[in-house]
Amino acid sequence: MPNRERDLVTAATMYYLQDAKMEAIAKHLHTSRSTVSRLLKRARDEGIVEITLRPAHSRAPSLGQHIATTFGVAAYVVPVPDTAGLPDRLDQVAMATARLVARWFDSEMVLGIAWGTTLAAIAGHLPGKPTRGSEIVQLNGAANTRTSGVSYAGDLVAGFGAAFDAHVHHFPVPAFFDYAATKEAMWRERSVRRVLDVQSRIDIALFSVGATVSGGLPSHVYAAGYLEPRDTELLRAEGVVGDVCTVFLRADGSYQDIPINARATGPTPRQLRRIPRRLCAVAGDNKVPALRAALAAGVVTDLVLDERTAARLMRKPARSASR
C-alpha cells in the first residue's frame, strides 16, 4: 500500500475507531493537523469511512431487510423525514448512490450508465476518485426527433468520466430508431460495434426506472419528446408500466413482444442480467410500479431508494385487469 494510502487508513482508524484527537494523529503521522483533516475528508468522500444516522423512529433498516428477503437484492434504504418533498428524497437517494458507486468502482473497471433525471442527480454528488485504466460507457442512445439529446447524455457521461479520471465511450445513436431494420443495420457498423463491445465488458451498470405513471418528477424519456403520441397509445395498450434503459416493461417484467422494444437502443433485461453488479436508484411513489417490473425482470442486484418509496414498494400492489 502506498504511504499516502496507508496514512489515509491510519488517520481514519485512529479518529473513528480509537477516538484519537487530530493533534495526536498528526504527531503519529509526522504531519500537520490540517493534513489530518484533509485525510479524514478524503476517507469519507471515497467511502472508506461511512457515517450513518438512524433515528429511532426510522423504518429504513427493517424495510431494507424486508426488501432484500422479498426480492433477493441488496437494499439500501435512505431515511427521510415524512415531510420531505420529492426533490429532497431524490437528492438523498442520489447522494447515497454516488457514494456506493465511488466505493465499488475502481481502476481497470467498466461502468455502464443510463441517462435521465435520477442519473443527473447522482452525477452532481460524485466525489472525486482518480482511477487508472477505467472506462465509462453510455448504455442507451439519447437522440430524438425534437432535440438531439446527444449533448445532454454526453455531458452526463463526461461528468462521470471526470469524477473517476476514466475514458468515456459515448453512444451517439437515437433512443429509438424509426424502424427495427435500421437498428439491425446500425448494429453491424464498426463504430457502433466498438461501443457494444465495451458494453459487453461492463462490471457495474447504473440506472433508474422510468415511470409511465404521473404524479412525480417526470421521467426524462416521457417528458423530453422521445415518444410520439402513437407510441404512448401503444405502450398503454400493451400494459407497459415503465422502462429500464428505454426498454419497456409490463408489470410482470415481460418485454420481448412489445413492438417498440425492437427499435430501442438500450440493453434488454436479458443483456443486463449478464452484468455482475446492477445498481438501480429510485425515488418517488410513481416509480414503484416500474420498479416492481424491473425486479420481476431480474435486472437489479443492488437497490437504493428512499424510505417512503421503500414503504410503498412493500405494500401489496392493487389488483389490475389482466391483459
Protein backbone atom coordinates (compact mmCIF):
# COMPACT_ATOMS: atom_id res chain seq x y z
CA MET A 1 0.00 0.00 0.00
CA PRO A 2 1.47 3.45 -0.93
CA ASN A 3 2.43 5.67 2.00
CA ARG A 4 -0.33 8.16 1.23
CA GLU A 5 -2.99 5.45 1.24
CA ARG A 6 -1.54 3.99 4.43
CA ASP A 7 -1.75 7.40 6.12
CA LEU A 8 -5.36 7.71 4.96
CA VAL A 9 -6.37 4.41 6.56
CA THR A 10 -4.31 5.07 9.69
CA ALA A 11 -5.85 8.51 10.22
CA ALA A 12 -9.39 7.18 9.73
CA THR A 13 -8.80 4.23 12.05
CA MET A 14 -7.31 6.35 14.83
CA TYR A 15 -10.00 9.04 14.60
CA TYR A 16 -13.16 6.95 14.14
CA LEU A 17 -12.28 3.71 15.93
CA GLN A 18 -9.78 4.77 18.58
CA ASP A 19 -11.23 8.23 19.40
CA ALA A 20 -7.80 9.80 18.94
CA LYS A 21 -7.60 13.59 18.68
CA MET A 22 -6.40 15.20 15.47
CA GLU A 23 -3.32 16.54 17.24
CA ALA A 24 -2.35 13.03 18.33
CA ILE A 25 -2.90 11.67 14.82
CA ALA A 26 -0.82 14.48 13.33
CA LYS A 27 2.02 13.71 15.73
CA HIS A 28 1.83 9.98 14.95
CA LEU A 29 1.95 10.64 11.19
CA HIS A 30 4.54 13.43 11.49
CA THR A 31 2.27 15.86 9.70
CA SER A 32 0.03 18.84 10.40
CA ARG A 33 -3.47 18.95 11.85
CA SER A 34 -4.81 20.43 8.59
CA THR A 35 -3.39 17.48 6.65
CA VAL A 36 -5.15 15.07 9.01
CA SER A 37 -8.41 16.95 8.44
CA ARG A 38 -7.97 16.56 4.67
CA LEU A 39 -7.19 12.85 5.06
CA LEU A 40 -10.39 12.31 7.05
CA LYS A 41 -12.46 14.19 4.47
CA ARG A 42 -10.96 12.09 1.69
CA ALA A 43 -11.75 8.91 3.65
CA ARG A 44 -15.40 9.98 3.83
CA ASP A 45 -15.56 11.06 0.17
CA GLU A 46 -14.07 7.78 -1.10
CA GLY A 47 -16.35 5.62 1.03
CA ILE A 48 -13.55 4.29 3.25
CA VAL A 49 -15.50 5.75 6.15
CA GLU A 50 -19.30 5.80 6.17
CA ILE A 51 -21.32 7.79 8.68
CA THR A 52 -24.91 6.66 9.07
CA LEU A 53 -27.57 8.35 11.16
CA ARG A 54 -30.53 6.16 12.01
CA PRO A 55 -33.19 7.90 14.09
CA ALA A 56 -35.01 5.61 16.50
CA HIS A 57 -38.28 6.08 14.60
CA SER A 58 -36.79 5.28 11.19
CA ARG A 59 -38.22 2.29 9.35
CA ALA A 60 -35.25 2.16 6.97
CA PRO A 61 -33.34 -0.79 8.50
CA SER A 62 -36.36 -3.10 8.71
CA LEU A 63 -37.60 -2.04 5.27
CA GLY A 64 -34.20 -2.84 3.79
CA GLN A 65 -34.28 -6.31 5.33
CA HIS A 66 -37.80 -6.97 4.07
CA ILE A 67 -36.94 -5.84 0.54
CA ALA A 68 -33.81 -7.98 0.50
CA THR A 69 -35.77 -11.04 1.65
CA THR A 70 -38.72 -10.47 -0.68
CA PHE A 71 -36.87 -9.60 -3.87
CA GLY A 72 -33.44 -11.17 -3.40
CA VAL A 73 -31.48 -7.93 -3.83
CA ALA A 74 -29.15 -5.91 -1.64
CA ALA A 75 -31.29 -2.98 -0.49
CA TYR A 76 -30.05 0.38 0.78
CA VAL A 77 -32.96 2.36 2.22
CA VAL A 78 -32.22 6.04 2.82
CA PRO A 79 -34.04 7.52 5.83
CA VAL A 80 -36.04 10.65 5.02
CA PRO A 81 -38.45 12.76 7.11
CA ASP A 82 -42.14 12.27 6.44
CA THR A 83 -42.29 15.94 5.45
CA ALA A 84 -39.58 15.62 2.78
CA GLY A 85 -40.66 16.61 -0.71
CA LEU A 86 -39.78 14.54 -3.77
CA PRO A 87 -36.80 16.72 -4.81
CA ASP A 88 -35.28 16.22 -1.34
CA ARG A 89 -35.95 12.48 -1.47
CA LEU A 90 -34.27 12.25 -4.87
CA ASP A 91 -31.31 14.26 -3.62
CA GLN A 92 -30.78 11.92 -0.65
CA VAL A 93 -31.01 8.83 -2.86
CA ALA A 94 -28.62 10.39 -5.37
CA MET A 95 -26.11 11.19 -2.65
CA ALA A 96 -26.20 7.65 -1.23
CA THR A 97 -25.93 6.12 -4.70
CA ALA A 98 -22.98 8.30 -5.66
CA ARG A 99 -21.09 7.14 -2.58
CA LEU A 100 -21.78 3.49 -3.38
CA VAL A 101 -20.56 3.94 -6.93
CA ALA A 102 -17.40 5.62 -5.67
CA ARG A 103 -16.82 2.75 -3.24
CA TRP A 104 -17.33 -0.03 -5.80
CA PHE A 105 -15.89 1.45 -9.00
CA ASP A 106 -12.12 1.27 -9.26
CA SER A 107 -9.19 1.02 -11.64
CA GLU A 108 -9.42 -1.34 -14.64
CA MET A 109 -13.22 -1.49 -14.37
CA VAL A 110 -16.03 -0.56 -16.78
CA LEU A 111 -19.08 1.37 -15.56
CA GLY A 112 -22.18 1.48 -17.76
CA ILE A 113 -24.59 4.35 -17.15
CA ALA A 114 -28.05 5.15 -18.44
CA TRP A 115 -29.35 8.71 -18.55
CA GLY A 116 -32.29 10.53 -17.02
CA THR A 117 -33.41 12.68 -14.11
CA THR A 118 -32.06 10.36 -11.41
CA LEU A 119 -28.69 9.79 -13.12
CA ALA A 120 -28.23 13.55 -13.50
CA ALA A 121 -28.83 13.95 -9.75
CA ILE A 122 -26.32 11.19 -8.96
CA ALA A 123 -23.69 12.84 -11.17
CA GLY A 124 -24.00 16.00 -9.10
CA HIS A 125 -22.89 14.16 -5.95
CA LEU A 126 -19.99 12.09 -7.29
CA PRO A 127 -16.86 12.51 -5.17
CA GLY A 128 -13.57 12.73 -7.00
CA LYS A 129 -11.80 9.36 -7.09
CA PRO A 130 -8.87 9.06 -9.51
CA THR A 131 -8.65 5.63 -11.15
CA ARG A 132 -6.37 4.05 -13.75
CA GLY A 133 -7.44 2.22 -16.89
CA SER A 134 -11.15 2.57 -16.09
CA GLU A 135 -13.93 3.26 -18.60
CA ILE A 136 -17.40 4.82 -18.57
CA VAL A 137 -19.79 3.73 -21.31
CA GLN A 138 -23.25 5.03 -22.18
CA LEU A 139 -25.87 2.26 -22.05
CA ASN A 140 -28.54 3.64 -24.38
CA GLY A 141 -28.84 6.20 -27.14
CA ALA A 142 -30.29 9.62 -26.38
CA ALA A 143 -31.06 11.38 -29.68
CA ASN A 144 -34.69 12.11 -30.57
CA THR A 145 -36.68 13.92 -33.24
CA ARG A 146 -37.25 17.12 -31.23
CA THR A 147 -33.79 17.74 -29.75
CA SER A 148 -30.52 16.00 -30.41
CA GLY A 149 -30.37 14.61 -26.85
CA VAL A 150 -26.73 13.85 -27.55
CA SER A 151 -25.31 16.83 -25.64
CA TYR A 152 -27.50 16.02 -22.61
CA ALA A 153 -26.28 12.42 -22.40
CA GLY A 154 -22.77 13.43 -23.44
CA ASP A 155 -22.43 15.89 -20.58
CA LEU A 156 -23.69 13.25 -18.15
CA VAL A 157 -21.20 10.62 -19.33
CA ALA A 158 -18.40 13.20 -19.33
CA GLY A 159 -19.23 14.12 -15.72
CA PHE A 160 -18.80 10.52 -14.60
CA GLY A 161 -15.56 10.29 -16.58
CA ALA A 162 -14.19 13.43 -14.93
CA ALA A 163 -15.06 12.17 -11.43
CA PHE A 164 -13.05 8.98 -11.93
CA ASP A 165 -10.41 10.12 -14.47
CA ALA A 166 -11.90 7.45 -16.72
CA HIS A 167 -12.02 7.11 -20.50
CA VAL A 168 -15.57 7.70 -21.77
CA HIS A 169 -17.47 6.00 -24.59
CA HIS A 170 -20.47 7.88 -25.93
CA PHE A 171 -23.28 6.08 -27.76
CA PRO A 172 -24.39 8.59 -30.45
CA VAL A 173 -27.48 6.78 -31.70
CA PRO A 174 -31.20 7.55 -31.23
CA ALA A 175 -33.04 6.39 -28.15
CA PHE A 176 -35.43 4.71 -30.60
CA PHE A 177 -34.92 4.06 -34.28
CA ASP A 178 -37.87 4.60 -36.60
CA TYR A 179 -37.50 1.09 -37.94
CA ALA A 180 -36.20 -2.12 -36.38
CA ALA A 181 -34.36 -2.89 -39.62
CA THR A 182 -32.42 0.37 -39.30
CA LYS A 183 -31.26 -0.65 -35.84
CA GLU A 184 -30.19 -4.06 -37.11
CA ALA A 185 -28.13 -2.41 -39.86
CA MET A 186 -26.55 0.10 -37.47
CA TRP A 187 -25.62 -2.67 -35.04
CA ARG A 188 -23.39 -4.09 -37.80
CA GLU A 189 -21.47 -0.81 -38.21
CA ARG A 190 -17.94 -0.86 -36.79
CA SER A 191 -18.36 2.41 -34.88
CA VAL A 192 -21.43 1.05 -33.09
CA ARG A 193 -19.90 -2.39 -32.59
CA ARG A 194 -16.99 -0.73 -30.78
CA VAL A 195 -19.36 0.71 -28.15
CA LEU A 196 -21.32 -2.54 -27.90
CA ASP A 197 -18.07 -4.41 -27.28
CA VAL A 198 -17.26 -2.09 -24.37
CA GLN A 199 -20.79 -2.64 -23.03
CA SER A 200 -20.13 -6.38 -23.06
CA ARG A 201 -17.29 -5.81 -20.55
CA ILE A 202 -19.30 -3.77 -18.03
CA ASP A 203 -18.62 -4.57 -14.37
CA ILE A 204 -21.27 -2.24 -12.89
CA ALA A 205 -24.41 -0.92 -14.54
CA LEU A 206 -26.08 2.17 -13.05
CA PHE A 207 -29.65 3.08 -13.93
CA SER A 208 -33.05 4.08 -12.61
CA VAL A 209 -36.55 3.21 -13.81
CA GLY A 210 -38.75 5.39 -15.97
CA ALA A 211 -42.37 5.71 -14.89
CA THR A 212 -45.42 5.94 -17.12
CA VAL A 213 -47.43 6.92 -14.04
CA SER A 214 -47.74 10.68 -13.47
CA GLY A 215 -47.64 12.44 -10.13
CA GLY A 216 -43.91 12.79 -9.51
CA LEU A 217 -40.80 14.23 -11.10
CA PRO A 218 -41.21 13.37 -14.80
CA SER A 219 -39.03 10.62 -16.21
CA HIS A 220 -36.87 12.09 -18.93
CA VAL A 221 -37.88 9.66 -21.66
CA TYR A 222 -41.57 10.58 -21.21
CA ALA A 223 -41.06 14.32 -20.73
CA ALA A 224 -38.44 15.25 -23.33
CA GLY A 225 -40.05 14.32 -26.63
CA TYR A 226 -38.75 10.79 -27.08
CA LEU A 227 -42.19 9.27 -27.68
CA GLU A 228 -44.75 10.11 -30.33
CA PRO A 229 -48.46 10.08 -29.35
CA ARG A 230 -48.92 6.80 -31.20
CA ASP A 231 -46.06 5.30 -29.19
CA THR A 232 -47.72 6.34 -25.95
CA GLU A 233 -51.01 4.78 -27.06
CA LEU A 234 -49.22 1.54 -27.96
CA LEU A 235 -47.49 1.39 -24.58
CA ARG A 236 -50.81 1.84 -22.83
CA ALA A 237 -52.41 -0.90 -24.92
CA GLU A 238 -49.51 -3.23 -24.13
CA GLY A 239 -49.89 -2.70 -20.36
CA VAL A 240 -46.48 -1.07 -20.01
CA VAL A 241 -45.73 0.36 -16.55
CA GLY A 242 -42.25 1.78 -17.14
CA ASP A 243 -38.83 1.24 -18.63
CA VAL A 244 -35.24 0.38 -17.79
CA CYS A 245 -32.67 1.94 -20.13
CA THR A 246 -35.54 2.81 -22.52
CA VAL A 247 -36.62 -0.83 -22.83
CA PHE A 248 -40.27 -1.01 -21.79
CA LEU A 249 -41.66 -3.48 -19.26
CA ARG A 250 -45.05 -4.78 -18.24
CA ALA A 251 -45.88 -5.29 -14.58
CA ASP A 252 -44.73 -8.91 -14.71
CA GLY A 253 -41.34 -7.94 -16.14
CA SER A 254 -42.09 -9.17 -19.67
CA TYR A 255 -40.78 -7.12 -22.60
CA GLN A 256 -39.89 -9.37 -25.56
CA ASP A 257 -43.09 -8.91 -27.59
CA ILE A 258 -43.58 -5.16 -27.05
CA PRO A 259 -43.07 -3.80 -30.60
CA ILE A 260 -41.25 -0.57 -29.72
CA ASN A 261 -38.52 -2.52 -27.90
CA ALA A 262 -37.30 -3.85 -31.26
CA ARG A 263 -36.40 -0.21 -32.07
CA ALA A 264 -34.93 0.67 -28.64
CA THR A 265 -31.17 1.07 -28.28
CA GLY A 266 -30.82 0.21 -24.61
CA PRO A 267 -29.81 -3.23 -23.32
CA THR A 268 -32.63 -5.72 -22.80
CA PRO A 269 -33.17 -7.27 -19.36
CA ARG A 270 -31.55 -10.44 -20.67
CA GLN A 271 -28.43 -8.46 -21.61
CA LEU A 272 -28.41 -6.53 -18.34
CA ARG A 273 -28.53 -9.76 -16.34
CA ARG A 274 -25.09 -10.67 -17.72
CA ILE A 275 -23.56 -7.73 -15.83
CA PRO A 276 -22.21 -8.76 -12.41
CA ARG A 277 -23.49 -5.75 -10.44
CA ARG A 278 -26.60 -3.81 -11.46
CA LEU A 279 -27.30 -0.78 -9.29
CA CYS A 280 -30.76 0.81 -9.50
CA ALA A 281 -31.60 4.11 -7.77
CA VAL A 282 -35.24 5.11 -7.28
CA ALA A 283 -37.12 7.94 -5.56
CA GLY A 284 -40.84 8.59 -5.94
CA ASP A 285 -44.11 6.76 -5.33
CA ASN A 286 -44.99 7.00 -9.04
CA LYS A 287 -41.95 4.84 -9.87
CA VAL A 288 -42.98 1.89 -7.72
CA PRO A 289 -44.91 0.01 -10.49
CA ALA A 290 -41.91 0.34 -12.80
CA LEU A 291 -39.57 -0.74 -10.01
CA ARG A 292 -41.67 -3.84 -9.34
CA ALA A 293 -41.45 -4.67 -13.05
CA ALA A 294 -37.67 -4.23 -13.04
CA LEU A 295 -37.39 -6.52 -10.01
CA ALA A 296 -39.63 -9.08 -11.71
CA ALA A 297 -37.38 -8.92 -14.78
CA GLY A 298 -34.35 -9.69 -12.60
CA VAL A 299 -32.31 -6.69 -13.71
CA VAL A 300 -31.45 -5.39 -10.22
CA THR A 301 -28.80 -6.73 -7.85
CA ASP A 302 -28.45 -3.61 -5.68
CA LEU A 303 -31.23 -1.13 -4.95
CA VAL A 304 -31.06 2.36 -3.41
CA LEU A 305 -34.36 4.02 -2.57
CA ASP A 306 -35.76 6.43 -0.04
CA GLU A 307 -37.75 5.29 2.97
CA ARG A 308 -41.15 6.37 1.66
CA THR A 309 -40.64 4.72 -1.73
CA ALA A 310 -39.49 1.57 0.08
CA ALA A 311 -42.65 1.53 2.21
CA ARG A 312 -44.80 1.89 -0.90
CA LEU A 313 -42.87 -0.92 -2.61
CA MET A 314 -43.64 -3.29 0.25
CA ARG A 315 -47.38 -2.59 0.14
CA LYS A 316 -49.47 -5.15 -1.67
CA PRO A 317 -49.98 -3.81 -5.22
CA ALA A 318 -53.51 -3.01 -6.30
CA ARG A 319 -55.13 -5.64 -8.50
CA SER A 320 -55.48 -4.65 -12.12
CA ALA A 321 -57.28 -6.17 -15.03
CA SER A 322 -55.17 -8.71 -16.87
CA ARG A 323 -54.14 -8.01 -20.43
